[in-house]
N, C-alpha and C. Protein backbone atom coordinates (compact mmCIF):
# COMPACT_ATOMS: atom_id res chain seq x y z
N MET A 1 8.96 -45.56 5.65
CA MET A 1 9.99 -44.93 5.16
C MET A 1 11.02 -44.92 5.82
N ASN A 2 12.38 -44.92 5.25
CA ASN A 2 13.83 -44.76 6.09
C ASN A 2 14.24 -43.29 5.76
N ARG A 3 15.20 -43.01 6.66
CA ARG A 3 15.94 -41.48 6.47
C ARG A 3 16.28 -41.14 5.44
N ILE A 4 17.27 -41.86 4.47
CA ILE A 4 17.37 -41.51 3.32
C ILE A 4 16.42 -41.01 2.26
N THR A 5 15.45 -41.98 2.26
CA THR A 5 13.84 -41.98 1.36
C THR A 5 13.70 -40.89 1.79
N ARG A 6 13.12 -40.23 3.10
CA ARG A 6 12.74 -38.98 3.75
C ARG A 6 13.26 -37.73 2.91
N ILE A 7 14.69 -37.89 2.98
CA ILE A 7 15.73 -36.95 2.88
C ILE A 7 15.43 -36.49 1.20
N ALA A 8 15.34 -37.63 0.45
CA ALA A 8 15.50 -37.65 -0.82
C ALA A 8 14.08 -36.68 -1.18
N ALA A 9 13.16 -37.26 -0.75
CA ALA A 9 11.96 -36.95 -1.15
C ALA A 9 11.86 -35.61 -0.56
N GLY A 10 12.27 -34.93 0.49
CA GLY A 10 12.15 -33.37 0.90
C GLY A 10 13.13 -32.84 -0.38
N ALA A 11 14.05 -33.09 -0.49
CA ALA A 11 15.06 -32.85 -1.63
C ALA A 11 14.56 -32.58 -3.03
N ALA A 12 13.49 -33.46 -3.48
CA ALA A 12 12.88 -33.72 -4.60
C ALA A 12 11.76 -32.57 -4.74
N GLY A 13 11.06 -32.21 -3.37
CA GLY A 13 10.34 -31.54 -3.54
C GLY A 13 10.87 -29.97 -3.33
N ALA A 14 11.88 -30.15 -2.53
CA ALA A 14 12.34 -28.51 -2.95
C ALA A 14 12.72 -28.09 -4.09
N VAL A 15 13.23 -29.02 -4.93
CA VAL A 15 13.76 -28.61 -6.07
C VAL A 15 12.37 -28.02 -6.98
N ALA A 16 11.54 -29.10 -7.26
CA ALA A 16 10.00 -28.67 -7.98
C ALA A 16 9.54 -27.28 -7.19
N LEU A 17 9.60 -27.32 -6.21
CA LEU A 17 9.25 -25.61 -5.71
C LEU A 17 9.93 -24.53 -5.81
N LEU A 18 11.33 -24.89 -6.06
CA LEU A 18 12.34 -23.82 -6.48
C LEU A 18 12.14 -23.61 -8.02
N SER A 19 11.93 -24.58 -8.76
CA SER A 19 11.88 -24.42 -10.11
C SER A 19 10.65 -23.86 -10.89
N ALA A 20 9.65 -23.54 -9.98
CA ALA A 20 8.26 -23.35 -10.42
C ALA A 20 8.66 -21.68 -10.93
N PRO A 21 7.77 -21.56 -12.23
CA PRO A 21 8.38 -20.05 -12.47
C PRO A 21 7.26 -19.04 -11.30
N VAL A 22 8.13 -17.90 -11.36
CA VAL A 22 7.76 -16.72 -10.50
C VAL A 22 6.69 -15.83 -11.70
N PRO A 23 5.67 -15.06 -10.86
CA PRO A 23 4.32 -14.90 -11.78
C PRO A 23 5.28 -13.25 -12.08
N ALA A 24 5.07 -13.04 -13.60
CA ALA A 24 5.62 -11.28 -13.69
C ALA A 24 4.70 -10.41 -13.86
N LEU A 25 4.81 -9.38 -13.91
CA LEU A 25 3.90 -8.30 -13.81
C LEU A 25 3.38 -7.85 -15.07
N ALA A 26 2.21 -7.76 -15.32
CA ALA A 26 1.64 -7.60 -16.78
C ALA A 26 1.91 -6.43 -16.95
N ALA A 27 2.02 -6.29 -18.38
CA ALA A 27 2.60 -5.00 -19.02
C ALA A 27 1.84 -3.77 -18.66
N GLY A 28 2.37 -2.62 -18.26
CA GLY A 28 1.51 -1.97 -17.85
C GLY A 28 1.43 -1.50 -16.58
N GLN A 29 1.38 -2.58 -15.75
CA GLN A 29 1.02 -2.64 -14.46
C GLN A 29 2.41 -2.01 -13.45
N GLU A 30 2.06 -1.10 -12.73
CA GLU A 30 3.04 -0.79 -11.98
C GLU A 30 3.86 -1.80 -10.96
N SER A 31 5.34 -1.45 -10.58
CA SER A 31 5.80 -2.54 -9.88
C SER A 31 5.48 -2.34 -8.29
N GLY A 32 5.15 -1.25 -7.80
CA GLY A 32 4.26 -1.20 -6.88
C GLY A 32 5.34 -0.01 -5.81
N THR A 33 4.92 -0.22 -4.89
CA THR A 33 5.60 0.60 -3.69
C THR A 33 6.64 -0.19 -3.19
N VAL A 34 7.98 0.82 -2.89
CA VAL A 34 8.88 0.32 -2.55
C VAL A 34 9.06 0.87 -0.74
N THR A 35 9.25 -0.13 -0.09
CA THR A 35 9.32 0.38 1.72
C THR A 35 10.67 0.45 2.09
N THR A 36 11.09 1.36 2.53
CA THR A 36 12.23 1.40 2.88
C THR A 36 12.32 2.18 5.01
N CYS A 37 13.15 1.07 5.54
CA CYS A 37 13.15 1.50 6.66
C CYS A 37 14.49 1.67 7.40
N GLY A 38 14.53 2.89 8.26
CA GLY A 38 15.84 3.00 8.80
C GLY A 38 16.54 1.85 9.68
N TRP A 39 17.64 2.37 10.48
CA TRP A 39 18.02 1.39 11.73
C TRP A 39 17.37 1.91 12.99
N SER A 40 17.06 0.60 13.75
CA SER A 40 16.36 1.01 15.15
C SER A 40 16.96 1.71 15.83
N GLY A 41 16.45 2.33 16.90
CA GLY A 41 16.80 3.07 17.87
C GLY A 41 16.12 3.17 19.26
N LEU A 42 16.72 3.78 20.23
CA LEU A 42 16.46 3.24 21.61
C LEU A 42 15.79 4.72 22.14
N GLN A 43 14.59 4.87 22.32
CA GLN A 43 13.91 6.47 22.58
C GLN A 43 13.12 6.08 23.75
N ALA A 44 13.08 6.77 24.64
CA ALA A 44 12.04 6.59 25.74
C ALA A 44 11.68 5.15 26.15
N GLY A 45 12.94 4.42 26.37
CA GLY A 45 12.94 3.09 26.81
C GLY A 45 12.40 2.20 25.65
N LEU A 46 12.01 2.53 24.30
CA LEU A 46 11.34 1.97 23.32
C LEU A 46 12.22 1.58 22.22
N SER A 47 12.09 1.05 21.16
CA SER A 47 12.74 0.48 19.89
C SER A 47 11.85 1.11 18.99
N THR A 48 12.59 2.38 18.34
CA THR A 48 11.75 3.13 17.24
C THR A 48 12.62 3.17 15.83
N ARG A 49 11.92 3.30 14.66
CA ARG A 49 12.62 3.62 13.33
C ARG A 49 11.67 4.55 12.34
N VAL A 50 12.32 4.89 11.35
CA VAL A 50 11.37 6.11 10.67
C VAL A 50 11.17 4.87 9.44
N CYS A 51 10.42 5.32 8.68
CA CYS A 51 10.53 4.18 7.30
C CYS A 51 9.59 5.15 6.21
N ALA A 52 9.75 4.91 4.98
CA ALA A 52 8.99 5.55 3.94
C ALA A 52 8.55 4.40 3.05
N ASP A 53 7.30 4.84 2.42
CA ASP A 53 6.83 4.14 1.18
C ASP A 53 6.96 4.69 0.13
N VAL A 54 7.59 4.62 -0.95
CA VAL A 54 7.92 5.64 -2.17
C VAL A 54 7.26 4.58 -3.29
N THR A 55 6.46 5.59 -3.91
CA THR A 55 5.54 4.97 -5.10
C THR A 55 5.73 5.82 -6.42
N GLY A 56 6.76 5.71 -7.34
CA GLY A 56 6.89 6.65 -8.30
C GLY A 56 7.66 7.91 -7.67
N ASP A 57 6.87 9.26 -7.67
CA ASP A 57 7.19 10.31 -7.12
C ASP A 57 6.45 10.66 -5.35
N GLY A 58 5.80 9.77 -5.03
CA GLY A 58 4.93 9.77 -4.02
C GLY A 58 5.74 9.11 -2.72
N VAL A 59 5.78 10.07 -2.02
CA VAL A 59 6.48 9.41 -0.55
C VAL A 59 5.63 9.80 0.81
N VAL A 60 5.62 8.43 1.42
CA VAL A 60 4.58 8.32 2.65
C VAL A 60 6.02 8.14 3.73
N LEU A 61 5.85 8.90 4.76
CA LEU A 61 6.83 8.57 6.01
C LEU A 61 6.26 8.39 7.07
N TYR A 62 6.59 7.66 8.00
CA TYR A 62 5.70 7.15 8.93
C TYR A 62 7.03 6.47 10.16
N GLY A 63 6.54 6.91 11.47
CA GLY A 63 7.51 6.19 12.72
C GLY A 63 7.00 4.87 13.09
N GLN A 64 7.70 3.76 13.54
CA GLN A 64 7.28 2.71 14.20
C GLN A 64 7.76 2.79 15.58
N ILE A 65 6.89 2.46 16.58
CA ILE A 65 7.38 2.14 18.00
C ILE A 65 7.00 0.93 18.58
N GLY A 66 8.00 0.17 18.87
CA GLY A 66 7.58 -1.15 19.67
C GLY A 66 8.36 -1.45 20.97
N LEU A 67 8.80 -2.56 21.29
CA LEU A 67 9.32 -2.91 22.42
C LEU A 67 10.75 -2.90 22.23
N ALA A 68 11.71 -2.52 23.17
CA ALA A 68 13.32 -2.66 22.71
C ALA A 68 13.62 -4.39 23.08
N GLY A 69 12.91 -4.65 23.86
CA GLY A 69 13.42 -6.25 23.81
C GLY A 69 12.54 -6.86 25.09
N PRO A 70 12.67 -8.09 25.67
CA PRO A 70 12.05 -8.87 26.50
C PRO A 70 12.12 -8.25 27.70
N PRO A 71 11.14 -8.20 28.67
CA PRO A 71 10.79 -7.46 30.06
C PRO A 71 11.81 -8.19 30.74
N SER A 72 12.54 -7.52 31.76
CA SER A 72 13.40 -8.03 32.65
C SER A 72 13.04 -8.84 34.16
N PRO A 73 13.59 -9.47 34.38
CA PRO A 73 12.74 -10.62 35.32
C PRO A 73 12.15 -9.67 36.61
N GLY A 74 10.84 -9.97 36.86
CA GLY A 74 10.30 -9.65 37.74
C GLY A 74 9.76 -8.01 37.39
N THR A 75 9.79 -8.05 35.96
CA THR A 75 9.15 -6.60 35.60
C THR A 75 7.78 -6.91 35.49
N PRO A 76 6.53 -6.08 35.84
CA PRO A 76 5.24 -6.36 35.88
C PRO A 76 4.70 -6.57 34.49
N TRP A 77 3.89 -7.66 34.27
CA TRP A 77 3.39 -7.65 32.54
C TRP A 77 2.09 -7.81 32.55
N PRO A 78 1.39 -7.23 31.68
CA PRO A 78 1.54 -6.12 30.63
C PRO A 78 1.93 -4.98 31.33
N PRO A 79 3.13 -4.24 30.55
CA PRO A 79 3.62 -2.72 31.57
C PRO A 79 2.56 -1.68 31.22
N ALA A 80 2.57 -0.91 31.82
CA ALA A 80 1.67 0.26 31.87
C ALA A 80 1.42 0.92 30.58
N PRO A 81 0.34 1.49 30.36
CA PRO A 81 0.89 2.30 28.72
C PRO A 81 1.39 3.42 29.07
N GLN A 82 2.17 4.08 27.96
CA GLN A 82 2.85 5.25 28.27
C GLN A 82 2.22 6.02 27.68
N GLU A 83 2.18 7.37 27.59
CA GLU A 83 1.97 8.52 26.60
C GLU A 83 2.95 9.04 26.09
N LEU A 84 3.07 9.26 24.69
CA LEU A 84 4.27 9.77 24.25
C LEU A 84 4.38 10.81 23.61
N ILE A 85 5.26 11.90 23.43
CA ILE A 85 5.35 12.77 22.06
C ILE A 85 6.10 12.36 21.17
N THR A 86 5.51 12.54 20.02
CA THR A 86 6.14 12.16 18.73
C THR A 86 6.38 13.27 17.86
N ARG A 87 7.42 13.18 16.84
CA ARG A 87 7.75 14.35 15.72
C ARG A 87 8.31 13.67 14.82
N LEU A 88 7.93 14.00 13.85
CA LEU A 88 8.42 13.52 12.59
C LEU A 88 8.49 14.83 11.59
N SER A 89 9.64 14.44 10.78
CA SER A 89 9.97 15.66 10.07
C SER A 89 10.64 15.26 8.61
N ALA A 90 10.65 16.03 7.68
CA ALA A 90 11.41 15.89 6.47
C ALA A 90 11.45 16.63 5.27
N ASP A 91 12.64 16.40 4.79
CA ASP A 91 13.29 17.69 3.72
C ASP A 91 13.53 16.88 2.57
N VAL A 92 13.73 17.42 1.13
CA VAL A 92 14.26 17.08 0.26
C VAL A 92 15.65 17.67 0.40
N VAL A 93 16.79 16.82 0.40
CA VAL A 93 18.10 17.07 0.52
C VAL A 93 18.48 18.11 -0.64
N GLY A 94 19.05 19.03 -0.06
CA GLY A 94 19.44 20.23 -1.08
C GLY A 94 18.25 21.10 -1.55
N VAL A 95 16.87 20.96 -1.02
CA VAL A 95 16.27 21.39 -1.64
C VAL A 95 15.03 22.17 -0.78
N GLY A 96 14.70 21.56 0.45
CA GLY A 96 13.78 22.25 1.23
C GLY A 96 13.11 21.60 1.83
N PRO A 97 12.16 22.05 2.98
CA PRO A 97 11.73 21.02 3.88
C PRO A 97 10.52 20.59 3.24
N LEU A 98 9.89 19.42 3.65
CA LEU A 98 8.81 18.63 3.02
C LEU A 98 7.58 18.98 4.20
N GLY A 99 7.63 18.91 5.41
CA GLY A 99 6.76 19.16 6.62
C GLY A 99 7.54 18.72 7.66
N ALA A 100 6.77 18.86 8.88
CA ALA A 100 6.55 18.20 10.08
C ALA A 100 5.53 18.12 10.82
N VAL A 101 5.20 17.07 11.41
CA VAL A 101 4.03 17.01 12.15
C VAL A 101 4.66 16.32 13.68
N SER A 102 4.00 16.79 14.67
CA SER A 102 3.98 16.18 16.06
C SER A 102 2.64 16.05 16.80
N GLY A 103 2.36 14.96 17.91
CA GLY A 103 1.44 14.45 18.30
C GLY A 103 1.76 13.63 19.50
N ARG A 104 0.56 13.13 20.10
CA ARG A 104 0.74 12.43 21.48
C ARG A 104 0.21 10.95 20.90
N THR A 105 1.06 10.20 21.28
CA THR A 105 0.24 8.42 20.95
C THR A 105 0.57 7.61 22.23
N VAL A 106 -0.55 6.79 22.21
CA VAL A 106 -0.28 5.74 23.60
C VAL A 106 0.43 4.69 23.12
N PHE A 107 1.27 4.23 23.77
CA PHE A 107 1.98 2.79 23.46
C PHE A 107 1.72 1.93 24.63
N LYS A 108 1.26 0.63 23.92
CA LYS A 108 0.80 -0.17 25.10
C LYS A 108 1.86 -1.27 25.15
N VAL A 109 1.64 -2.56 24.26
CA VAL A 109 2.42 -3.34 24.11
C VAL A 109 2.75 -3.73 22.73
N SER A 110 2.13 -3.84 22.04
CA SER A 110 2.27 -4.05 20.19
C SER A 110 2.57 -2.92 19.57
N THR A 111 3.46 -2.70 18.47
CA THR A 111 3.95 -1.94 17.58
C THR A 111 3.09 -1.02 17.12
N VAL A 112 3.10 0.11 17.17
CA VAL A 112 2.52 1.52 16.80
C VAL A 112 2.93 1.89 15.55
N ARG A 113 2.32 2.41 14.53
CA ARG A 113 2.58 3.30 13.64
C ARG A 113 2.23 4.36 13.71
N VAL A 114 2.94 5.50 13.47
CA VAL A 114 3.04 7.01 13.62
C VAL A 114 2.80 7.66 12.47
N ASP A 115 1.65 7.78 11.63
CA ASP A 115 1.40 8.40 10.20
C ASP A 115 1.76 9.66 10.58
N GLY A 116 2.31 10.29 9.20
CA GLY A 116 2.53 12.09 9.21
C GLY A 116 2.61 12.62 8.49
N ILE A 117 3.37 12.44 6.92
CA ILE A 117 3.58 12.91 5.91
C ILE A 117 3.71 12.32 4.64
N SER A 118 2.86 12.86 4.08
CA SER A 118 2.29 12.28 2.90
C SER A 118 2.70 13.31 1.40
N THR A 119 3.88 13.10 0.65
CA THR A 119 3.81 13.98 -0.48
C THR A 119 4.60 13.67 -1.50
N THR A 120 5.20 14.63 -2.29
CA THR A 120 5.70 14.27 -3.61
C THR A 120 7.19 14.80 -3.51
N ALA A 121 7.82 14.44 -4.20
CA ALA A 121 9.21 14.88 -4.34
C ALA A 121 9.97 14.67 -5.55
N PRO A 122 10.49 15.32 -6.24
CA PRO A 122 11.51 15.32 -7.31
C PRO A 122 12.35 14.07 -7.86
N CYS A 123 12.02 13.69 -8.73
CA CYS A 123 12.65 12.60 -9.30
C CYS A 123 14.07 12.43 -9.13
N GLY A 124 14.84 11.58 -8.61
CA GLY A 124 16.41 11.70 -8.57
C GLY A 124 16.90 12.07 -7.17
N SER A 125 15.71 13.01 -6.38
CA SER A 125 16.25 13.37 -5.08
C SER A 125 15.87 12.45 -3.92
N VAL A 126 16.48 13.22 -3.08
CA VAL A 126 16.89 12.04 -1.60
C VAL A 126 16.00 12.79 -0.79
N VAL A 127 15.22 12.01 -0.11
CA VAL A 127 14.49 12.37 1.44
C VAL A 127 15.23 11.96 2.42
N HIS A 128 15.45 13.24 3.41
CA HIS A 128 15.75 13.04 4.78
C HIS A 128 14.53 12.86 5.30
N ALA A 129 14.16 12.07 6.39
CA ALA A 129 13.25 11.96 7.62
C ALA A 129 13.74 11.75 8.71
N SER A 130 13.33 12.36 9.91
CA SER A 130 13.55 11.88 11.18
C SER A 130 12.74 11.80 12.04
N PHE A 131 12.60 11.21 12.91
CA PHE A 131 11.53 10.59 13.95
C PHE A 131 12.12 10.43 15.43
N ALA A 132 11.36 10.95 16.30
CA ALA A 132 11.57 11.78 17.67
C ALA A 132 10.64 11.27 18.61
N VAL A 133 10.86 10.30 19.47
CA VAL A 133 10.08 10.31 20.62
C VAL A 133 10.43 10.49 22.18
N GLU A 134 9.16 11.33 22.26
CA GLU A 134 9.83 11.74 24.13
C GLU A 134 8.78 11.08 24.98
N GLY A 135 9.15 10.65 26.45
CA GLY A 135 8.51 9.98 27.14
C GLY A 135 8.72 10.96 28.25
N SER A 136 7.89 10.77 29.67
CA SER A 136 8.37 11.13 30.58
C SER A 136 9.65 10.80 31.29
N PHE A 137 10.35 11.96 31.55
CA PHE A 137 11.54 11.56 32.28
C PHE A 137 12.75 11.04 31.31
N ARG A 138 12.68 11.17 29.95
CA ARG A 138 13.38 10.51 29.09
C ARG A 138 13.07 11.65 27.79
N GLY A 139 14.12 12.00 27.19
CA GLY A 139 14.15 12.79 26.21
C GLY A 139 14.68 11.90 24.83
N PRO A 140 13.90 13.01 23.66
CA PRO A 140 14.38 12.15 22.54
C PRO A 140 15.90 11.82 21.97
N VAL A 141 15.76 10.80 21.25
CA VAL A 141 16.71 10.44 20.37
C VAL A 141 16.29 10.17 18.97
N PRO A 142 16.73 11.28 18.11
CA PRO A 142 16.16 11.00 17.10
C PRO A 142 16.52 9.59 15.76
N VAL A 143 15.78 9.41 15.13
CA VAL A 143 16.17 8.01 14.39
C VAL A 143 15.95 8.50 12.78
N THR A 144 16.98 8.36 11.96
CA THR A 144 16.97 9.49 10.72
C THR A 144 16.78 8.41 9.77
N LEU A 145 16.60 8.54 8.36
CA LEU A 145 16.38 7.84 7.24
C LEU A 145 16.55 8.70 5.92
N ASP A 146 17.54 8.19 5.16
CA ASP A 146 17.87 8.83 3.42
C ASP A 146 17.06 8.27 2.58
N VAL A 147 15.74 8.34 2.01
CA VAL A 147 15.74 7.37 1.23
C VAL A 147 15.64 7.83 -0.44
N PRO A 148 15.94 7.31 -1.28
CA PRO A 148 16.12 7.93 -2.80
C PRO A 148 14.63 8.03 -3.32
N VAL A 149 14.04 8.84 -4.21
CA VAL A 149 12.90 8.93 -5.10
C VAL A 149 13.37 8.75 -6.52
N SER A 150 13.34 7.54 -6.74
CA SER A 150 14.06 7.35 -8.43
C SER A 150 12.74 6.60 -9.08
N CYS A 151 12.02 7.77 -9.78
CA CYS A 151 10.61 7.39 -10.61
C CYS A 151 10.68 6.53 -11.57
């Protein structure tokens, strides 16, 4: 097969793939959960962010902790596990608090999900969440998220 024939075959395959119908949701089936995550921040030398899963008026808030980037040259690998103090809080903007949780988490190498708040919020409201991580010799720099609850 020459080069032009391979390109034409690839283009024809892409057209066929892109023109295939996308399955629609069955009548009465919920559209599902919408996951929204805030911007990543650096806390305790790690990358952190706060996320929300919204299904109707149900809101599940959680934090994520991961590596901030590749290790510096000469850094021992894998890094020593770190014990972290985590704090997750949330409120409905203009209404009041939804709750706050704190705890301890051990971070090794892979991304860690820190579960915390599962609640309901009024339709049309905005939930504000904050996630902070504190390690030895490093204070917290909270990351935040504002997510609408549009039932």
